Amino acid sequence: RANADSPRDAALALSFGAEGIGLCRTEHMFFNEKRINVFREMILADSLETREKALAKLEVMQRDDFYGLFKTMAGKEVTIRLLDAPLHEFMPHNDPEFEGFMAYLGSGKKGAKVPSKAEIRARIEGLSEFNPMLGHRGCRIAVSYPEIYAMQTRAVFAAAYKLQSEKVDVRPEIMIPIVMNAAELKLIVYGKKIEGKSYKGILEIEEEVRKELGA
């Protein structure tokens, strides 16, 4: 198998004789300049409502990505790794990037309150981790922000069932990254209710998507 994060990469892998995609690193899909600011907005959201608005935009992008990847690799397994990256890596790393992000936040939002540069810099600094392996790497992102993995999971199955309806042989596999113990794995796969908050697991999300699409 080969690593591939786009239909173009998958097609190239096929031309070299790949028998499937062993690793699709979904974090790489967000570094595109047309997407990165949407992803940054999602990370820095100060409320669940704001985060879910950004996630709704990202879900459309992810669904289209997975659709193209699965279609290119028809009949072969494709392993989708859910988001696995320190969140601060997505933040602006220099002044031009920061100014571009601030311009994005202020665009098309007449009347809406836009955070100040100082507020945004403070939030970015708050995300920095000296050793992300002990922080928000892998599935721990989903422990703190379950809506991120929920979005990615919906996108995977929406793409898969759409192709299935088009009679395309789709073989998706989902990788849950950097699992420390059985409790983390159970939380991501089966979901859980914790202190009144409900986490939807992969199995429940798949069932919801299947019912919505009548698959």
Protein backbone atom coordinates (compact mmCIF):
# COMPACT_ATOMS: atom_id res chain seq x y z
CA ARG A 1 0.00 0.00 0.00
CA ALA A 2 0.97 3.65 -0.38
CA ASN A 3 0.42 6.86 1.56
CA ALA A 4 -1.91 9.27 -0.26
CA ASP A 5 -3.90 12.30 0.85
CA SER A 6 -5.57 13.25 -2.45
CA PRO A 7 -7.08 11.56 -5.54
CA ARG A 8 -4.04 12.75 -7.54
CA ASP A 9 -1.64 11.02 -5.14
CA ALA A 10 -3.82 7.91 -5.16
CA ALA A 11 -3.80 7.76 -8.96
CA LEU A 12 -0.01 8.09 -8.95
CA ALA A 13 0.24 5.30 -6.36
CA LEU A 14 -1.93 3.08 -8.56
CA SER A 15 0.34 3.71 -11.54
CA PHE A 16 3.20 2.33 -9.46
CA GLY A 17 1.22 -0.77 -8.57
CA ALA A 18 -0.16 0.13 -5.13
CA GLU A 19 -2.70 -2.34 -3.77
CA GLY A 20 -4.44 0.19 -1.56
CA ILE A 21 -3.92 3.27 0.59
CA GLY A 22 -2.27 2.35 3.85
CA LEU A 23 -2.45 5.83 5.27
CA CYS A 24 -4.44 8.92 4.34
CA ARG A 25 -3.29 11.62 6.76
CA THR A 26 -6.36 13.83 7.04
CA GLU A 27 -4.48 16.68 8.71
CA HIS A 28 -2.62 17.18 5.41
CA MET A 29 -5.93 17.93 3.70
CA PHE A 30 -6.34 21.14 5.70
CA PHE A 31 -3.06 22.83 4.85
CA ASN A 32 -4.40 23.93 1.46
CA GLU A 33 -4.46 27.75 1.45
CA LYS A 34 -8.19 27.74 0.64
CA ARG A 35 -8.93 25.65 3.73
CA ILE A 36 -6.40 26.50 6.39
CA ASN A 37 -8.17 29.64 7.62
CA VAL A 38 -11.48 27.78 7.96
CA PHE A 39 -9.66 25.17 10.02
CA ARG A 40 -7.98 27.85 12.14
CA GLU A 41 -11.36 29.49 12.73
CA MET A 42 -12.70 26.13 13.91
CA ILE A 43 -9.80 25.54 16.30
CA LEU A 44 -9.98 29.03 17.81
CA ALA A 45 -13.79 29.09 18.14
CA ASP A 46 -14.89 30.37 21.54
CA SER A 47 -18.15 28.42 21.50
CA LEU A 48 -19.46 25.07 20.27
CA GLU A 49 -21.90 26.87 17.95
CA THR A 50 -19.10 28.80 16.22
CA ARG A 51 -16.96 25.68 15.95
CA GLU A 52 -19.78 23.66 14.41
CA LYS A 53 -20.37 26.36 11.77
CA ALA A 54 -16.74 26.06 10.67
CA LEU A 55 -16.92 22.26 10.87
CA ALA A 56 -19.94 22.28 8.54
CA LYS A 57 -17.79 23.99 5.87
CA LEU A 58 -14.95 21.56 6.45
CA GLU A 59 -17.27 18.56 6.25
CA VAL A 60 -18.22 19.39 2.67
CA MET A 61 -14.52 19.60 1.76
CA GLN A 62 -13.68 16.33 3.52
CA ARG A 63 -16.61 14.49 1.95
CA ASP A 64 -15.49 15.55 -1.53
CA ASP A 65 -11.90 14.57 -0.71
CA PHE A 66 -12.91 11.10 0.44
CA TYR A 67 -15.28 10.66 -2.50
CA GLY A 68 -12.44 11.31 -4.95
CA LEU A 69 -10.01 9.13 -3.03
CA PHE A 70 -12.39 6.16 -2.72
CA LYS A 71 -13.46 6.42 -6.36
CA THR A 72 -9.86 6.46 -7.56
CA MET A 73 -9.09 3.41 -5.41
CA ALA A 74 -12.28 1.49 -6.29
CA GLY A 75 -12.00 -2.14 -5.22
CA LYS A 76 -9.01 -1.44 -2.94
CA GLU A 77 -8.76 -0.67 0.77
CA VAL A 78 -8.27 2.94 1.83
CA THR A 79 -7.22 3.65 5.42
CA ILE A 80 -8.38 7.06 6.62
CA ARG A 81 -6.53 8.25 9.71
CA LEU A 82 -8.59 10.68 11.75
CA LEU A 83 -6.96 13.97 12.67
CA ASP A 84 -3.59 13.51 14.34
CA ALA A 85 -1.57 16.68 14.75
CA PRO A 86 -0.78 19.25 17.43
CA LEU A 87 -3.38 21.98 16.95
CA HIS A 88 -0.81 24.77 17.20
CA GLU A 89 0.84 23.50 14.01
CA PHE A 90 -2.14 24.84 12.05
CA MET A 91 -1.80 28.35 13.43
CA PRO A 92 -0.14 31.26 11.55
CA HIS A 93 3.65 31.03 11.82
CA ASN A 94 4.58 34.50 10.58
CA ASP A 95 3.18 38.02 10.26
CA PRO A 96 1.83 37.68 6.67
CA GLU A 97 -0.05 34.48 7.63
CA PHE A 98 -1.41 36.14 10.77
CA GLU A 99 -2.59 39.23 8.86
CA GLY A 100 -4.20 36.99 6.24
CA PHE A 101 -6.06 35.09 8.95
CA MET A 102 -7.26 38.31 10.58
CA ALA A 103 -8.50 39.53 7.17
CA TYR A 104 -10.37 36.22 6.74
CA LEU A 105 -12.03 36.59 10.15
CA GLY A 106 -13.20 40.08 9.25
CA SER A 107 -14.50 39.22 5.77
CA GLY A 108 -18.21 38.74 5.13
CA LYS A 109 -19.20 39.20 8.76
CA LYS A 110 -20.88 42.59 8.87
CA GLY A 111 -22.09 43.43 12.33
CA ALA A 112 -20.37 40.41 13.87
CA LYS A 113 -17.79 40.93 16.58
CA VAL A 114 -14.31 40.04 15.35
CA PRO A 115 -11.73 39.17 18.02
CA SER A 116 -8.82 41.59 18.36
CA LYS A 117 -5.30 40.69 17.30
CA ALA A 118 -4.32 40.46 20.96
CA GLU A 119 -7.18 38.04 21.68
CA ILE A 120 -6.25 35.82 18.73
CA ARG A 121 -2.56 35.81 19.68
CA ALA A 122 -3.51 34.84 23.24
CA ARG A 123 -5.63 31.94 22.00
CA ILE A 124 -2.83 30.76 19.71
CA GLU A 125 -0.33 30.87 22.57
CA GLY A 126 -2.78 28.91 24.71
CA LEU A 127 -2.74 26.07 22.17
CA SER A 128 1.04 25.70 22.16
CA GLU A 129 2.30 22.48 23.70
CA PHE A 130 5.92 21.78 24.61
CA ASN A 131 5.35 18.05 24.09
CA PRO A 132 2.14 17.34 22.16
CA MET A 133 2.69 13.59 22.62
CA LEU A 134 1.56 14.23 26.21
CA GLY A 135 -1.20 16.58 25.10
CA HIS A 136 -3.52 16.89 22.11
CA ARG A 137 -2.08 14.31 19.77
CA GLY A 138 -4.17 11.63 18.17
CA CYS A 139 -7.51 10.69 19.62
CA ARG A 140 -7.10 13.09 22.57
CA ILE A 141 -8.24 15.83 20.20
CA ALA A 142 -11.56 13.98 20.02
CA VAL A 143 -11.74 13.64 23.79
CA SER A 144 -11.63 17.44 24.12
CA TYR A 145 -13.40 18.26 20.83
CA PRO A 146 -15.56 15.23 19.87
CA GLU A 147 -17.27 17.26 17.15
CA ILE A 148 -14.04 17.18 15.05
CA TYR A 149 -13.94 13.39 14.73
CA ALA A 150 -17.73 13.32 14.32
CA MET A 151 -17.37 15.60 11.29
CA GLN A 152 -14.64 13.45 9.75
CA THR A 153 -16.55 10.23 10.38
CA ARG A 154 -19.71 11.61 8.75
CA ALA A 155 -17.66 12.71 5.74
CA VAL A 156 -16.09 9.26 5.36
CA PHE A 157 -19.40 7.40 5.40
CA ALA A 158 -21.30 9.99 3.34
CA ALA A 159 -18.69 9.62 0.59
CA ALA A 160 -18.65 5.83 0.87
CA TYR A 161 -22.43 5.41 0.72
CA LYS A 162 -22.74 7.88 -2.16
CA LEU A 163 -20.26 5.83 -4.19
CA GLN A 164 -21.95 2.62 -3.12
CA SER A 165 -25.21 3.98 -4.56
CA GLU A 166 -23.29 4.57 -7.80
CA LYS A 167 -22.27 0.87 -7.81
CA VAL A 168 -18.62 1.65 -7.01
CA ASP A 169 -16.77 -0.90 -4.86
CA VAL A 170 -15.72 1.12 -1.79
CA ARG A 171 -13.52 -0.28 0.98
CA PRO A 172 -12.88 2.37 3.63
CA GLU A 173 -11.01 1.66 6.84
CA ILE A 174 -10.79 4.14 9.73
CA MET A 175 -7.64 4.47 11.82
CA ILE A 176 -7.91 5.97 15.30
CA PRO A 177 -4.51 7.52 16.02
CA ILE A 178 -2.34 7.33 19.14
CA VAL A 179 -4.62 5.41 21.46
CA MET A 180 -3.26 5.19 25.00
CA ASN A 181 -5.70 2.74 26.54
CA ALA A 182 -8.90 0.78 26.04
CA ALA A 183 -11.03 3.56 27.54
CA GLU A 184 -9.97 6.03 24.84
CA LEU A 185 -10.69 3.49 22.11
CA LYS A 186 -14.13 2.66 23.51
CA LEU A 187 -14.98 6.37 23.75
CA ILE A 188 -14.16 6.99 20.07
CA VAL A 189 -15.79 3.80 18.74
CA TYR A 190 -18.87 3.51 20.95
CA GLY A 191 -19.35 6.99 22.39
CA LYS A 192 -20.33 7.77 25.96
CA LYS A 193 -22.27 10.12 28.20
CA ILE A 194 -19.98 12.01 30.57
CA GLU A 195 -21.33 14.52 33.09
CA GLY A 196 -24.39 15.21 30.99
CA LYS A 197 -22.40 15.54 27.77
CA SER A 198 -22.94 12.99 25.04
CA TYR A 199 -20.11 11.73 22.83
CA LYS A 200 -21.23 10.04 19.63
CA GLY A 201 -19.05 7.12 18.64
CA ILE A 202 -18.06 6.04 15.13
CA LEU A 203 -20.67 3.26 15.10
CA GLU A 204 -23.55 5.59 16.00
CA ILE A 205 -22.47 8.19 13.44
CA GLU A 206 -22.21 5.56 10.71
CA GLU A 207 -25.72 4.36 11.52
CA GLU A 208 -27.06 7.92 11.37
CA VAL A 209 -25.46 8.59 7.98
CA ARG A 210 -26.72 5.27 6.61
CA LYS A 211 -30.30 6.07 7.66
CA GLU A 212 -30.12 9.63 6.31
CA LEU A 213 -28.94 8.42 2.91
CA GLY A 214 -31.17 5.35 2.87
CA ALA A 215 -28.15 3.16 2.20
